[in-house]
């Protein structure tokens, strides 16, 4: 049987180093963008949670005829029970802010 490939050498050290250099440069470009976007994603998630809490405040008003006194009034199976932190009993945004109710609107406290 005749050999089709006569030259069975592998990659040279220089070729492997060039591939590693290209991968390293791509990682150096990509990592800062990922960390920058994670803060943006957390902020957008907080905005979405605040919109959902506002909708639940309106549902509470329709159900009870009154305004919730605090965010804990929404900690029931009918509203946002599954969103509350079980250990602290607070409602937290994806970016770490604590959600409260101010003037019948959801508000994220940045002081956490």
C-alpha atoms as a PDB file:
ATOM      1  CA  UNK A   1       0.000   0.000   0.000  1.00  0.00           C
ATOM      2  CA  UNK A   2       1.355   3.374  -0.968  1.00  0.00           C
ATOM      3  CA  UNK A   3       1.580   6.223   1.606  1.00  0.00           C
ATOM      4  CA  UNK A   4      -0.469   9.265   0.722  1.00  0.00           C
ATOM      5  CA  UNK A   5       1.235  11.584   3.195  1.00  0.00           C
ATOM      6  CA  UNK A   6       4.976  11.452   3.177  1.00  0.00           C
ATOM      7  CA  UNK A   7       5.528  14.389   5.519  1.00  0.00           C
ATOM      8  CA  UNK A   8       4.038  13.487   8.943  1.00  0.00           C
ATOM      9  CA  UNK A   9       5.544  16.312  10.944  1.00  0.00           C
ATOM     10  CA  UNK A  10       3.372  18.079  13.506  1.00  0.00           C
ATOM     11  CA  UNK A  11       3.160  21.774  14.278  1.00  0.00           C
ATOM     12  CA  UNK A  12       6.360  23.590  15.046  1.00  0.00           C
ATOM     13  CA  UNK A  13       6.922  25.396  18.315  1.00  0.00           C
ATOM     14  CA  UNK A  14       6.692  28.762  16.537  1.00  0.00           C
ATOM     15  CA  UNK A  15       3.320  27.874  15.031  1.00  0.00           C
ATOM     16  CA  UNK A  16       1.976  26.808  18.431  1.00  0.00           C
ATOM     17  CA  UNK A  17       3.248  30.035  20.024  1.00  0.00           C
ATOM     18  CA  UNK A  18       1.530  32.112  17.335  1.00  0.00           C
ATOM     19  CA  UNK A  19      -1.771  30.339  17.960  1.00  0.00           C
ATOM     20  CA  UNK A  20      -1.418  30.933  21.714  1.00  0.00           C
ATOM     21  CA  UNK A  21      -0.629  34.619  21.047  1.00  0.00           C
ATOM     22  CA  UNK A  22      -3.781  35.039  18.935  1.00  0.00           C
ATOM     23  CA  UNK A  23      -5.937  33.341  21.594  1.00  0.00           C
ATOM     24  CA  UNK A  24      -4.430  35.548  24.322  1.00  0.00           C
ATOM     25  CA  UNK A  25      -5.088  38.740  22.350  1.00  0.00           C
ATOM     26  CA  UNK A  26      -8.706  37.692  21.742  1.00  0.00           C
ATOM     27  CA  UNK A  27      -9.195  37.007  25.466  1.00  0.00           C
ATOM     28  CA  UNK A  28      -7.668  40.365  26.408  1.00  0.00           C
ATOM     29  CA  UNK A  29     -10.112  42.102  24.093  1.00  0.00           C
ATOM     30  CA  UNK A  30     -13.143  40.099  25.225  1.00  0.00           C
ATOM     31  CA  UNK A  31     -12.821  40.057  29.043  1.00  0.00           C
ATOM     32  CA  UNK A  32     -13.202  43.833  29.656  1.00  0.00           C
ATOM     33  CA  UNK A  33     -16.309  43.896  27.443  1.00  0.00           C
ATOM     34  CA  UNK A  34     -17.910  41.061  29.397  1.00  0.00           C
ATOM     35  CA  UNK A  35     -17.351  42.767  32.759  1.00  0.00           C
ATOM     36  CA  UNK A  36     -18.644  46.091  31.447  1.00  0.00           C
ATOM     37  CA  UNK A  37     -21.779  44.471  30.056  1.00  0.00           C
ATOM     38  CA  UNK A  38     -22.529  42.542  33.252  1.00  0.00           C
ATOM     39  CA  UNK A  39     -23.221  45.826  35.101  1.00  0.00           C
ATOM     40  CA  UNK A  40     -25.483  46.937  32.247  1.00  0.00           C
ATOM     41  CA  UNK A  41     -27.321  43.602  32.382  1.00  0.00           C
ATOM     42  CA  UNK A  42     -27.830  43.971  36.156  1.00  0.00           C
ATOM     43  CA  UNK A  43     -29.207  47.485  35.705  1.00  0.00           C
ATOM     44  CA  UNK A  44     -31.611  46.376  32.959  1.00  0.00           C
ATOM     45  CA  UNK A  45     -32.737  43.462  35.123  1.00  0.00           C
ATOM     46  CA  UNK A  46     -33.417  45.886  37.980  1.00  0.00           C
ATOM     47  CA  UNK A  47     -35.515  48.084  35.692  1.00  0.00           C
ATOM     48  CA  UNK A  48     -37.549  45.035  34.640  1.00  0.00           C
ATOM     49  CA  UNK A  49     -38.057  43.990  38.274  1.00  0.00           C
ATOM     50  CA  UNK A  50     -39.204  47.502  39.195  1.00  0.00           C
ATOM     51  CA  UNK A  51     -41.758  47.395  36.356  1.00  0.00           C
ATOM     52  CA  UNK A  52     -43.013  44.043  37.615  1.00  0.00           C
ATOM     53  CA  UNK A  53     -43.304  45.372  41.187  1.00  0.00           C
ATOM     54  CA  UNK A  54     -45.249  48.396  39.893  1.00  0.00           C
ATOM     55  CA  UNK A  55     -47.659  46.008  38.167  1.00  0.00           C
ATOM     56  CA  UNK A  56     -48.046  44.018  41.385  1.00  0.00           C
ATOM     57  CA  UNK A  57     -48.710  47.231  43.328  1.00  0.00           C
ATOM     58  CA  UNK A  58     -51.574  47.950  40.930  1.00  0.00           C
ATOM     59  CA  UNK A  59     -52.869  44.388  41.325  1.00  0.00           C
ATOM     60  CA  UNK A  60     -52.728  44.784  45.115  1.00  0.00           C
ATOM     61  CA  UNK A  61     -54.715  48.034  44.840  1.00  0.00           C
ATOM     62  CA  UNK A  62     -57.351  46.315  42.701  1.00  0.00           C
ATOM     63  CA  UNK A  63     -57.586  43.344  45.067  1.00  0.00           C
ATOM     64  CA  UNK A  64     -57.664  45.193  48.390  1.00  0.00           C
ATOM     65  CA  UNK A  65     -58.836  48.686  47.492  1.00  0.00           C
ATOM     66  CA  UNK A  66     -55.836  50.228  49.264  1.00  0.00           C
ATOM     67  CA  UNK A  67     -52.153  50.896  48.731  1.00  0.00           C
ATOM     68  CA  UNK A  68     -49.476  48.579  50.119  1.00  0.00           C
ATOM     69  CA  UNK A  69     -47.810  50.152  53.159  1.00  0.00           C
ATOM     70  CA  UNK A  70     -44.462  48.488  52.466  1.00  0.00           C
ATOM     71  CA  UNK A  71     -42.854  46.036  50.102  1.00  0.00           C
ATOM     72  CA  UNK A  72     -43.583  43.272  52.635  1.00  0.00           C
ATOM     73  CA  UNK A  73     -47.304  43.578  51.845  1.00  0.00           C
ATOM     74  CA  UNK A  74     -46.471  42.043  48.451  1.00  0.00           C
ATOM     75  CA  UNK A  75     -44.710  39.051  50.044  1.00  0.00           C
ATOM     76  CA  UNK A  76     -47.591  36.648  49.537  1.00  0.00           C
ATOM     77  CA  UNK A  77     -48.355  33.858  47.050  1.00  0.00           C
ATOM     78  CA  UNK A  78     -50.668  36.184  45.111  1.00  0.00           C
ATOM     79  CA  UNK A  79     -47.922  38.710  44.376  1.00  0.00           C
ATOM     80  CA  UNK A  80     -44.126  38.454  44.680  1.00  0.00           C
ATOM     81  CA  UNK A  81     -43.492  35.769  47.294  1.00  0.00           C
ATOM     82  CA  UNK A  82     -41.065  33.768  45.140  1.00  0.00           C
ATOM     83  CA  UNK A  83     -38.946  36.874  44.444  1.00  0.00           C
ATOM     84  CA  UNK A  84     -38.148  37.693  48.076  1.00  0.00           C
ATOM     85  CA  UNK A  85     -34.869  36.602  49.666  1.00  0.00           C
ATOM     86  CA  UNK A  86     -35.795  33.880  52.150  1.00  0.00           C
ATOM     87  CA  UNK A  87     -32.985  34.728  54.599  1.00  0.00           C
ATOM     88  CA  UNK A  88     -33.407  38.498  54.830  1.00  0.00           C
ATOM     89  CA  UNK A  89     -37.028  38.864  53.749  1.00  0.00           C
ATOM     90  CA  UNK A  90     -36.095  41.640  51.300  1.00  0.00           C
ATOM     91  CA  UNK A  91     -36.679  42.033  47.590  1.00  0.00           C
ATOM     92  CA  UNK A  92     -33.366  42.567  45.780  1.00  0.00           C
ATOM     93  CA  UNK A  93     -32.568  43.602  42.227  1.00  0.00           C
ATOM     94  CA  UNK A  94     -30.074  41.624  40.124  1.00  0.00           C
ATOM     95  CA  UNK A  95     -27.571  44.462  40.632  1.00  0.00           C
ATOM     96  CA  UNK A  96     -27.830  44.173  44.432  1.00  0.00           C
ATOM     97  CA  UNK A  97     -30.146  47.106  45.156  1.00  0.00           C
ATOM     98  CA  UNK A  98     -33.005  46.662  47.601  1.00  0.00           C
ATOM     99  CA  UNK A  99     -36.510  47.348  46.298  1.00  0.00           C
ATOM    100  CA  UNK A 100     -38.818  49.520  48.395  1.00  0.00           C
ATOM    101  CA  UNK A 101     -42.111  51.333  47.787  1.00  0.00           C
ATOM    102  CA  UNK A 102     -41.996  55.138  47.718  1.00  0.00           C
ATOM    103  CA  UNK A 103     -45.187  57.072  46.908  1.00  0.00           C
ATOM    104  CA  UNK A 104     -46.863  53.895  45.628  1.00  0.00           C
ATOM    105  CA  UNK A 105     -44.058  53.272  43.108  1.00  0.00           C
ATOM    106  CA  UNK A 106     -41.263  50.719  43.201  1.00  0.00           C
ATOM    107  CA  UNK A 107     -37.868  52.228  43.983  1.00  0.00           C
ATOM    108  CA  UNK A 108     -34.385  50.657  44.079  1.00  0.00           C
ATOM    109  CA  UNK A 109     -32.227  51.766  47.027  1.00  0.00           C
ATOM    110  CA  UNK A 110     -28.604  51.986  45.911  1.00  0.00           C
ATOM    111  CA  UNK A 111     -27.224  52.089  49.460  1.00  0.00           C
ATOM    112  CA  UNK A 112     -26.845  48.315  49.787  1.00  0.00           C
END
